[in-house]
């Protein structure tokens, strides 16, 4: 049985979080590959997170924030 689709507003927020991750990474002048390796991910996984295609676990967000050098709250501010 397929999972229930998320409401549109959840998808919009997930994409916004991905945009915040991308912006912080670029501001830190880091590549996806570098951040992924530091955070213990593969580059395609980080790309899917940045694109908002997947919802990362909080532990993954913490590792990404650490790899980019920003507080976790940076990613979830509206």
N, C-alpha and C. Protein backbone atom coordinates (compact mmCIF):
# COMPACT_ATOMS: atom_id res chain seq x y z
N UNK A 1 0.84 -1.17 0.00
CA UNK A 1 0.00 0.00 0.00
C UNK A 1 0.90 1.24 0.00
N UNK A 2 0.73 2.18 -0.95
CA UNK A 2 1.58 3.38 -1.01
C UNK A 2 1.28 4.30 0.17
N UNK A 3 2.31 5.04 0.62
CA UNK A 3 2.08 5.96 1.74
C UNK A 3 1.16 7.10 1.31
N UNK A 4 0.50 7.69 2.30
CA UNK A 4 -0.37 8.82 2.01
C UNK A 4 0.47 10.00 1.55
N UNK A 5 0.05 10.68 0.50
CA UNK A 5 0.82 11.85 0.06
C UNK A 5 0.74 12.96 1.10
N UNK A 6 1.80 13.72 1.18
CA UNK A 6 1.85 14.83 2.12
C UNK A 6 0.99 15.99 1.61
N UNK A 7 0.41 16.78 2.51
CA UNK A 7 -0.31 17.97 2.08
C UNK A 7 0.64 18.92 1.34
N UNK A 8 0.11 19.72 0.46
CA UNK A 8 0.92 20.63 -0.34
C UNK A 8 1.80 21.53 0.52
N UNK A 9 1.26 22.02 1.64
CA UNK A 9 2.04 22.94 2.47
C UNK A 9 3.26 22.26 3.07
N UNK A 10 3.19 20.96 3.32
CA UNK A 10 4.35 20.24 3.84
C UNK A 10 5.42 20.13 2.76
N UNK A 11 5.01 19.84 1.55
CA UNK A 11 5.96 19.75 0.43
C UNK A 11 6.62 21.10 0.21
N UNK A 12 5.86 22.18 0.29
CA UNK A 12 6.41 23.53 0.11
C UNK A 12 7.46 23.82 1.19
N UNK A 13 7.16 23.48 2.44
CA UNK A 13 8.12 23.71 3.53
C UNK A 13 9.37 22.84 3.35
N UNK A 14 9.19 21.59 2.91
CA UNK A 14 10.34 20.71 2.69
C UNK A 14 11.25 21.28 1.61
N UNK A 15 10.67 21.83 0.56
CA UNK A 15 11.47 22.47 -0.49
C UNK A 15 12.18 23.71 0.04
N UNK A 16 11.50 24.46 0.90
CA UNK A 16 12.12 25.65 1.49
C UNK A 16 13.32 25.27 2.36
N UNK A 17 13.21 24.17 3.09
CA UNK A 17 14.34 23.69 3.88
C UNK A 17 15.50 23.31 2.97
N UNK A 18 15.20 22.64 1.87
CA UNK A 18 16.23 22.30 0.89
C UNK A 18 16.90 23.55 0.32
N UNK A 19 16.10 24.58 0.07
CA UNK A 19 16.65 25.85 -0.43
C UNK A 19 17.59 26.48 0.61
N UNK A 20 17.21 26.39 1.89
CA UNK A 20 18.06 26.93 2.95
C UNK A 20 19.37 26.16 3.05
N UNK A 21 19.29 24.86 2.91
CA UNK A 21 20.50 24.03 2.93
C UNK A 21 21.42 24.43 1.78
N UNK A 22 20.86 24.53 0.59
CA UNK A 22 21.65 24.90 -0.59
C UNK A 22 22.29 26.27 -0.40
N UNK A 23 21.51 27.24 0.08
CA UNK A 23 22.02 28.60 0.25
C UNK A 23 23.17 28.63 1.27
N UNK A 24 23.02 27.89 2.37
CA UNK A 24 24.07 27.85 3.38
C UNK A 24 25.33 27.17 2.83
N UNK A 25 25.13 26.13 2.05
CA UNK A 25 26.27 25.42 1.45
C UNK A 25 27.02 26.32 0.48
N UNK A 26 26.28 27.01 -0.36
CA UNK A 26 26.91 27.91 -1.33
C UNK A 26 27.59 29.07 -0.62
N UNK A 27 26.94 29.62 0.40
CA UNK A 27 27.53 30.72 1.16
C UNK A 27 28.86 30.28 1.79
N UNK A 28 28.93 29.02 2.21
CA UNK A 28 30.16 28.47 2.80
C UNK A 28 31.16 28.05 1.72
N UNK A 29 30.79 28.24 0.45
CA UNK A 29 31.65 27.89 -0.68
C UNK A 29 32.03 26.41 -0.65
N UNK A 30 31.02 25.56 -0.40
CA UNK A 30 31.23 24.12 -0.35
C UNK A 30 30.45 23.43 -1.47
N UNK A 31 31.01 22.36 -1.99
CA UNK A 31 30.32 21.58 -3.00
C UNK A 31 29.37 20.59 -2.33
N UNK A 32 28.44 20.09 -3.10
CA UNK A 32 27.57 19.03 -2.58
C UNK A 32 28.41 17.83 -2.16
N UNK A 33 29.39 17.50 -2.96
CA UNK A 33 30.24 16.34 -2.66
C UNK A 33 30.92 16.51 -1.31
N UNK A 34 31.48 17.68 -1.07
CA UNK A 34 32.21 17.93 0.18
C UNK A 34 31.26 17.84 1.39
N UNK A 35 30.10 18.48 1.29
CA UNK A 35 29.14 18.45 2.40
C UNK A 35 28.64 17.03 2.62
N UNK A 36 28.33 16.34 1.54
CA UNK A 36 27.84 14.96 1.67
C UNK A 36 28.86 14.08 2.37
N UNK A 37 30.11 14.16 1.96
CA UNK A 37 31.16 13.35 2.58
C UNK A 37 31.31 13.68 4.07
N UNK A 38 31.31 14.96 4.40
CA UNK A 38 31.47 15.38 5.78
C UNK A 38 30.28 14.94 6.63
N UNK A 39 29.09 14.96 6.03
CA UNK A 39 27.86 14.60 6.76
C UNK A 39 27.59 13.10 6.74
N UNK A 40 28.41 12.33 6.05
CA UNK A 40 28.22 10.89 6.00
C UNK A 40 27.11 10.46 5.04
N UNK A 41 26.93 11.24 3.97
CA UNK A 41 25.92 10.93 2.96
C UNK A 41 26.59 10.72 1.62
N UNK A 42 25.83 10.27 0.64
CA UNK A 42 26.34 10.31 -0.72
C UNK A 42 25.77 11.57 -1.39
N UNK A 43 26.45 12.04 -2.43
CA UNK A 43 26.05 13.28 -3.08
C UNK A 43 24.63 13.24 -3.62
N UNK A 44 24.19 12.14 -4.27
CA UNK A 44 22.80 12.12 -4.74
C UNK A 44 21.77 12.27 -3.62
N UNK A 45 22.07 11.74 -2.45
CA UNK A 45 21.14 11.90 -1.32
C UNK A 45 21.04 13.36 -0.91
N UNK A 46 22.18 14.02 -0.81
CA UNK A 46 22.17 15.45 -0.47
C UNK A 46 21.43 16.24 -1.54
N UNK A 47 21.63 15.89 -2.78
CA UNK A 47 20.94 16.58 -3.87
C UNK A 47 19.42 16.42 -3.73
N UNK A 48 18.96 15.22 -3.43
CA UNK A 48 17.52 14.99 -3.26
C UNK A 48 16.97 15.79 -2.08
N UNK A 49 17.76 15.92 -1.02
CA UNK A 49 17.34 16.74 0.13
C UNK A 49 17.25 18.20 -0.29
N UNK A 50 18.27 18.71 -0.96
CA UNK A 50 18.26 20.10 -1.41
C UNK A 50 17.11 20.39 -2.36
N UNK A 51 16.75 19.43 -3.18
CA UNK A 51 15.65 19.61 -4.12
C UNK A 51 14.28 19.47 -3.47
N UNK A 52 14.26 18.98 -2.23
CA UNK A 52 13.00 18.80 -1.52
C UNK A 52 12.26 17.54 -1.92
N UNK A 53 12.96 16.60 -2.56
CA UNK A 53 12.32 15.36 -2.99
C UNK A 53 12.18 14.34 -1.87
N UNK A 54 13.04 14.47 -0.85
CA UNK A 54 12.96 13.56 0.29
C UNK A 54 12.96 14.37 1.58
N UNK A 55 12.39 13.79 2.61
CA UNK A 55 12.36 14.41 3.93
C UNK A 55 13.45 13.77 4.79
N UNK A 56 14.52 14.52 5.07
CA UNK A 56 15.60 13.93 5.86
C UNK A 56 15.22 13.78 7.33
N UNK A 57 15.83 12.83 7.99
CA UNK A 57 15.66 12.67 9.43
C UNK A 57 16.36 13.82 10.13
N UNK A 58 15.95 14.09 11.33
CA UNK A 58 16.56 15.17 12.10
C UNK A 58 18.06 14.94 12.28
N UNK A 59 18.47 13.69 12.49
CA UNK A 59 19.90 13.39 12.64
C UNK A 59 20.68 13.79 11.40
N UNK A 60 20.10 13.57 10.24
CA UNK A 60 20.74 13.95 8.98
C UNK A 60 20.84 15.47 8.87
N UNK A 61 19.78 16.18 9.24
CA UNK A 61 19.82 17.64 9.21
C UNK A 61 20.89 18.17 10.15
N UNK A 62 21.03 17.56 11.32
CA UNK A 62 22.06 17.98 12.27
C UNK A 62 23.44 17.80 11.66
N UNK A 63 23.67 16.65 11.01
CA UNK A 63 24.98 16.40 10.38
C UNK A 63 25.25 17.36 9.24
N UNK A 64 24.23 17.69 8.45
CA UNK A 64 24.39 18.64 7.35
C UNK A 64 24.71 20.03 7.91
N UNK A 65 23.98 20.44 8.92
CA UNK A 65 24.23 21.76 9.53
C UNK A 65 25.67 21.83 10.04
N UNK A 66 26.13 20.78 10.69
CA UNK A 66 27.50 20.75 11.19
C UNK A 66 28.50 20.81 10.04
N UNK A 67 28.23 20.08 8.96
CA UNK A 67 29.13 20.06 7.80
C UNK A 67 29.23 21.43 7.13
N UNK A 68 28.13 22.18 7.16
CA UNK A 68 28.10 23.50 6.53
C UNK A 68 28.57 24.58 7.50
N UNK A 69 28.50 24.28 8.80
CA UNK A 69 28.95 25.23 9.80
C UNK A 69 27.91 26.25 10.20
N UNK A 70 26.63 25.82 10.22
CA UNK A 70 25.55 26.72 10.62
C UNK A 70 24.71 26.04 11.69
N UNK A 71 23.98 26.84 12.48
CA UNK A 71 23.05 26.22 13.44
C UNK A 71 21.92 25.52 12.70
N UNK A 72 21.42 24.46 13.28
CA UNK A 72 20.30 23.72 12.69
C UNK A 72 19.12 24.63 12.39
N UNK A 73 18.86 25.59 13.26
CA UNK A 73 17.72 26.50 13.08
C UNK A 73 17.77 27.26 11.77
N UNK A 74 18.96 27.42 11.19
CA UNK A 74 19.10 28.11 9.91
C UNK A 74 18.24 27.45 8.83
N UNK A 75 18.11 26.15 8.90
CA UNK A 75 17.39 25.41 7.86
C UNK A 75 15.87 25.47 8.03
N UNK A 76 15.41 25.72 9.23
CA UNK A 76 13.96 25.62 9.46
C UNK A 76 13.27 26.94 9.74
N UNK A 77 14.02 28.04 9.66
CA UNK A 77 13.39 29.35 9.83
C UNK A 77 12.48 29.64 8.67
N UNK A 78 11.38 30.31 8.95
CA UNK A 78 10.47 30.70 7.88
C UNK A 78 10.76 32.09 7.44
